[in-house]
Amino acid sequence: MPSIRFRYLLLGGWLTVVPFMATATQADEPRARLDVQAEAQLDVVPDRATLSARLWERTPAVARHDDDTDPDALRQARDRLEERAAALIGALEEAGVERDDISAGSLSVQPEYVPAPRRSDTDQEMLMRTRLERPFQVRVDDLERLPRLLDALTAAGVNAMDGISYDLADRDAATDEALVMALEKARHKAELMARTMNVSLGPVASISETRSPIYMPRMMAMSADARESTQQAEYRPGTIVIEAGVSVSWEIEN
């Protein structure tokens, strides 16, 4: 008799467990979801620019077998370079640029090889000289002043103008705006799809970025009228393009 009762108890316990497991399985079933990806592009007019230019001086060219550069020639070239650099900074300050907006890079020294004048049918000899160079960058917060500052750099006799790079004073605000545009576009697409398919959107299940904001500055353009006239050139920075992408999932409620 005890063994029979024990088997009945086991059977009764098993019968009570099965409904509970079935209920748990139903609760864990994944709900239908609607997945949407969206990308947005924001065109922003830049409000900051950086002018890049370089100054350099060279020592006289000498025969390559003279390994040691003449210290006097090197010092003289450096003195000329520093004098021109001081004049350049002074010209920029006279044009209204704050000293903190002028960045003078480190001095670089590198050898250069040039062909010697040909004297006969013999092989042409190569000469060596030393080039001393300093880069400069000028930050401009008022883009209307660009033509004047470019004229100041030209008048100061820079050896190379490396161009103008445009930027935004507040990148974070532009990045946030592009991201909000992408999220709003994702929500609009989800609502349109749900309405078309006659379903209701539930809570958001997941959100992720598919593309971090990318800055794609466009090159400066000059108007045709400015190129054909002798008046001051007109510089148009174009726009900075910021792209953002998101992926959002909603639960579907029937």
Protein backbone atom coordinates (compact mmCIF):
# COMPACT_ATOMS: atom_id res chain seq x y z
CA MET A 1 0.00 0.00 0.00
CA PRO A 2 2.68 2.64 0.71
CA SER A 3 4.30 2.04 -2.67
CA ILE A 4 0.96 2.53 -4.46
CA ARG A 5 0.36 5.81 -2.64
CA PHE A 6 3.87 6.98 -3.50
CA ARG A 7 3.26 6.38 -7.22
CA TYR A 8 0.01 8.34 -7.02
CA LEU A 9 1.85 11.25 -5.41
CA LEU A 10 4.48 11.28 -8.14
CA LEU A 11 1.81 11.22 -10.82
CA GLY A 12 -0.10 14.05 -9.18
CA GLY A 13 3.07 16.16 -8.88
CA TRP A 14 3.85 15.61 -12.55
CA LEU A 15 0.37 16.71 -13.55
CA THR A 16 0.71 19.96 -11.63
CA VAL A 17 4.10 20.79 -13.19
CA VAL A 18 3.08 20.40 -16.83
CA PRO A 19 0.57 23.31 -16.94
CA PHE A 20 3.12 25.58 -15.27
CA MET A 21 5.79 24.78 -17.87
CA ALA A 22 3.34 25.37 -20.69
CA THR A 23 2.45 28.80 -19.28
CA ALA A 24 6.12 29.76 -18.95
CA THR A 25 6.81 28.69 -22.52
CA GLN A 26 3.97 30.86 -23.82
CA ALA A 27 5.24 33.86 -21.87
CA ASP A 28 8.76 33.50 -23.28
CA GLU A 29 7.65 33.40 -26.90
CA PRO A 30 9.22 36.38 -28.79
CA ARG A 31 6.76 39.02 -29.88
CA ALA A 32 6.62 40.19 -33.47
CA ARG A 33 8.88 43.15 -34.15
CA LEU A 34 9.23 45.84 -36.76
CA ASP A 35 12.84 46.73 -37.61
CA VAL A 36 13.62 50.01 -39.35
CA GLN A 37 16.87 51.58 -40.54
CA ALA A 38 17.10 55.23 -41.47
CA GLU A 39 19.79 57.69 -42.53
CA ALA A 40 19.75 61.47 -42.50
CA GLN A 41 21.97 64.11 -44.06
CA LEU A 42 22.44 67.57 -42.60
CA ASP A 43 23.99 70.40 -44.64
CA VAL A 44 25.51 73.05 -42.40
CA VAL A 45 27.14 76.30 -43.49
CA PRO A 46 30.57 76.48 -41.82
CA ASP A 47 31.31 79.37 -39.47
CA ARG A 48 35.04 78.81 -38.94
CA ALA A 49 38.05 78.40 -41.21
CA THR A 50 41.76 77.67 -40.91
CA LEU A 51 44.31 79.09 -43.33
CA SER A 52 47.49 77.06 -43.82
CA ALA A 53 50.72 78.48 -45.23
CA ARG A 54 54.46 77.81 -45.14
CA LEU A 55 57.66 79.82 -45.12
CA TRP A 56 61.06 78.39 -46.01
CA GLU A 57 64.66 79.41 -46.59
CA ARG A 58 67.54 77.48 -48.18
CA THR A 59 71.26 77.40 -47.75
CA PRO A 60 73.48 77.68 -50.86
CA ALA A 61 73.86 74.43 -52.81
CA VAL A 62 77.25 72.72 -52.38
CA ALA A 63 78.86 69.56 -53.66
CA ARG A 64 77.48 66.36 -52.14
CA HIS A 65 80.87 65.22 -50.87
CA ASP A 66 80.82 68.17 -48.45
CA ASP A 67 78.86 66.27 -45.83
CA ASP A 68 78.90 68.98 -43.18
CA THR A 69 76.55 71.91 -43.78
CA ASP A 70 78.22 75.26 -43.32
CA PRO A 71 77.13 76.44 -39.83
CA ASP A 72 77.23 80.08 -40.89
CA ALA A 73 75.05 79.41 -43.93
CA LEU A 74 72.62 77.45 -41.78
CA ARG A 75 72.46 80.20 -39.16
CA GLN A 76 71.93 82.87 -41.78
CA ALA A 77 69.10 80.90 -43.39
CA ARG A 78 67.47 80.45 -40.01
CA ASP A 79 67.81 84.15 -39.18
CA ARG A 80 66.16 85.07 -42.49
CA LEU A 81 63.35 82.61 -41.81
CA GLU A 82 62.71 83.91 -38.30
CA GLU A 83 62.72 87.48 -39.56
CA ARG A 84 60.15 86.66 -42.21
CA ALA A 85 58.05 84.72 -39.68
CA ALA A 86 57.99 87.73 -37.35
CA ALA A 87 56.96 89.97 -40.25
CA LEU A 88 54.20 87.53 -41.19
CA ILE A 89 52.79 87.46 -37.66
CA GLY A 90 52.95 91.26 -37.53
CA ALA A 91 51.05 91.56 -40.83
CA LEU A 92 48.35 89.21 -39.59
CA GLU A 93 47.95 91.13 -36.33
CA GLU A 94 47.66 94.36 -38.30
CA ALA A 95 44.88 92.67 -40.28
CA GLY A 96 42.98 92.07 -37.04
CA VAL A 97 44.01 88.52 -36.15
CA GLU A 98 44.52 87.78 -32.46
CA ARG A 99 47.87 86.29 -31.53
CA ASP A 100 46.13 83.25 -29.99
CA ASP A 101 44.58 82.52 -33.41
CA ILE A 102 48.02 82.25 -35.06
CA SER A 103 49.81 78.92 -34.74
CA ALA A 104 53.45 78.71 -35.81
CA GLY A 105 54.62 75.13 -36.26
CA SER A 106 57.98 73.68 -35.40
CA LEU A 107 61.03 74.34 -37.51
CA SER A 108 61.90 71.51 -39.88
CA VAL A 109 65.29 70.99 -41.50
CA GLN A 110 65.75 68.69 -44.46
CA PRO A 111 68.31 68.20 -47.24
CA GLU A 112 67.49 68.89 -50.88
CA TYR A 113 69.39 67.66 -53.94
CA VAL A 114 69.58 69.73 -57.11
CA PRO A 115 71.52 69.15 -60.37
CA ALA A 116 74.62 71.23 -60.88
CA PRO A 117 75.02 73.21 -64.12
CA ARG A 118 76.29 70.94 -66.90
CA ARG A 119 79.80 71.89 -67.98
CA SER A 120 80.68 69.16 -70.50
CA ASP A 121 79.62 65.74 -71.67
CA THR A 122 80.46 64.25 -68.29
CA ASP A 123 77.81 63.05 -65.91
CA GLN A 124 75.88 65.84 -64.28
CA GLU A 125 76.84 66.36 -60.66
CA MET A 126 74.24 66.62 -57.90
CA LEU A 127 74.47 69.41 -55.34
CA MET A 128 73.02 69.46 -51.84
CA ARG A 129 71.42 72.29 -49.91
CA THR A 130 69.47 72.52 -46.66
CA ARG A 131 65.89 73.71 -46.47
CA LEU A 132 64.50 75.24 -43.27
CA GLU A 133 60.73 75.47 -43.11
CA ARG A 134 58.01 76.64 -40.71
CA PRO A 135 54.28 76.06 -41.18
CA PHE A 136 51.64 78.55 -40.05
CA GLN A 137 47.94 78.17 -39.36
CA VAL A 138 45.51 81.03 -38.88
CA ARG A 139 42.09 80.43 -37.34
CA VAL A 140 39.34 82.66 -38.72
CA ASP A 141 36.02 82.98 -36.88
CA ASP A 142 34.61 85.60 -39.26
CA LEU A 143 34.59 84.20 -42.78
CA GLU A 144 33.98 87.64 -44.27
CA ARG A 145 37.60 88.47 -43.39
CA LEU A 146 39.08 85.66 -45.49
CA PRO A 147 39.96 87.75 -48.57
CA ARG A 148 41.79 90.33 -46.48
CA LEU A 149 43.75 87.70 -44.58
CA LEU A 150 44.71 85.90 -47.77
CA ASP A 151 45.97 89.20 -49.16
CA ALA A 152 48.00 89.70 -45.97
CA LEU A 153 49.59 86.27 -46.33
CA THR A 154 50.41 86.93 -49.97
CA ALA A 155 51.87 90.35 -49.17
CA ALA A 156 54.02 88.77 -46.46
CA GLY A 157 55.62 86.58 -49.12
CA VAL A 158 54.63 83.10 -47.99
CA ASN A 159 56.26 80.40 -50.08
CA ALA A 160 53.22 78.11 -50.14
CA MET A 161 49.51 78.47 -49.48
CA ASP A 162 48.20 75.07 -48.45
CA GLY A 163 44.55 76.01 -48.68
CA ILE A 164 41.57 76.69 -46.45
CA SER A 165 39.83 74.11 -44.29
CA TYR A 166 36.33 74.89 -43.04
CA ASP A 167 34.83 73.77 -39.76
CA LEU A 168 32.03 74.37 -37.25
CA ALA A 169 32.46 76.16 -33.96
CA ASP A 170 29.95 73.77 -32.32
CA ARG A 171 30.28 70.34 -33.88
CA ASP A 172 28.37 68.63 -31.08
CA ALA A 173 25.19 70.61 -31.76
CA ALA A 174 25.32 69.74 -35.46
CA THR A 175 25.99 66.08 -34.68
CA ASP A 176 23.01 65.97 -32.30
CA GLU A 177 20.76 67.55 -34.92
CA ALA A 178 21.77 64.99 -37.56
CA LEU A 179 21.13 62.13 -35.12
CA VAL A 180 17.69 63.50 -34.19
CA MET A 181 16.83 63.77 -37.89
CA ALA A 182 17.75 60.11 -38.40
CA LEU A 183 15.66 59.00 -35.41
CA GLU A 184 12.65 61.03 -36.55
CA LYS A 185 12.97 59.53 -40.01
CA ALA A 186 13.05 56.03 -38.50
CA ARG A 187 9.91 56.74 -36.48
CA HIS A 188 8.13 58.12 -39.54
CA LYS A 189 9.00 55.01 -41.56
CA ALA A 190 7.84 52.71 -38.75
CA GLU A 191 4.53 54.53 -38.36
CA LEU A 192 3.96 54.44 -42.12
CA MET A 193 4.70 50.71 -42.32
CA ALA A 194 2.50 49.91 -39.31
CA ARG A 195 -0.40 51.94 -40.67
CA THR A 196 -0.11 50.34 -44.08
CA MET A 197 0.01 46.82 -42.61
CA ASN A 198 -2.83 47.59 -40.17
CA VAL A 199 -0.84 46.85 -37.01
CA SER A 200 -0.04 48.90 -33.93
CA LEU A 201 3.41 49.82 -32.71
CA GLY A 202 4.33 48.82 -29.20
CA PRO A 203 7.27 49.98 -27.10
CA VAL A 204 10.74 50.42 -28.59
CA ALA A 205 12.74 47.21 -28.20
CA SER A 206 16.20 48.39 -29.31
CA ILE A 207 18.05 51.41 -30.73
CA SER A 208 21.52 51.49 -32.25
CA GLU A 209 23.67 53.64 -34.51
CA THR A 210 24.49 52.21 -37.91
CA ARG A 211 26.66 55.15 -38.96
CA SER A 212 28.45 57.59 -36.72
CA PRO A 213 28.23 61.21 -37.89
CA ILE A 214 30.72 61.82 -40.71
CA TYR A 215 32.00 65.26 -41.62
CA MET A 216 32.49 65.80 -45.34
CA PRO A 217 33.59 69.41 -45.92
CA ARG A 218 33.26 70.67 -49.45
CA MET A 219 35.97 72.63 -51.19
CA MET A 220 35.89 76.38 -51.42
CA ALA A 221 34.48 77.72 -54.67
CA MET A 222 34.98 81.09 -56.34
CA SER A 223 32.26 82.75 -58.34
CA ALA A 224 32.78 83.19 -62.09
CA ASP A 225 32.31 86.96 -61.79
CA ALA A 226 35.11 87.14 -59.22
CA ARG A 227 37.50 85.17 -61.42
CA GLU A 228 36.85 87.42 -64.42
CA SER A 229 37.10 90.71 -62.54
CA THR A 230 40.01 92.45 -60.88
CA GLN A 231 38.01 93.17 -57.75
CA GLN A 232 38.40 91.27 -54.51
CA ALA A 233 37.60 87.60 -54.96
CA GLU A 234 34.48 86.13 -53.40
CA TYR A 235 35.05 82.95 -51.42
CA ARG A 236 32.18 80.53 -50.98
CA PRO A 237 32.83 77.77 -48.45
CA GLY A 238 29.84 75.66 -49.50
CA THR A 239 28.45 73.42 -46.78
CA ILE A 240 29.67 70.76 -44.40
CA VAL A 241 27.72 67.53 -44.82
CA ILE A 242 26.98 65.48 -41.69
CA GLU A 243 25.43 62.04 -42.14
CA ALA A 244 23.96 59.87 -39.39
CA GLY A 245 22.27 56.45 -39.42
CA VAL A 246 20.19 54.52 -36.89
CA SER A 247 18.47 51.16 -36.50
CA VAL A 248 15.32 51.00 -34.34
CA SER A 249 13.07 48.07 -33.46
CA TRP A 250 9.49 48.27 -32.20
CA GLU A 251 7.32 45.52 -30.76
CA ILE A 252 4.10 44.95 -32.71
CA GLU A 253 0.80 44.95 -30.83
CA ASN A 254 -2.16 43.34 -32.56
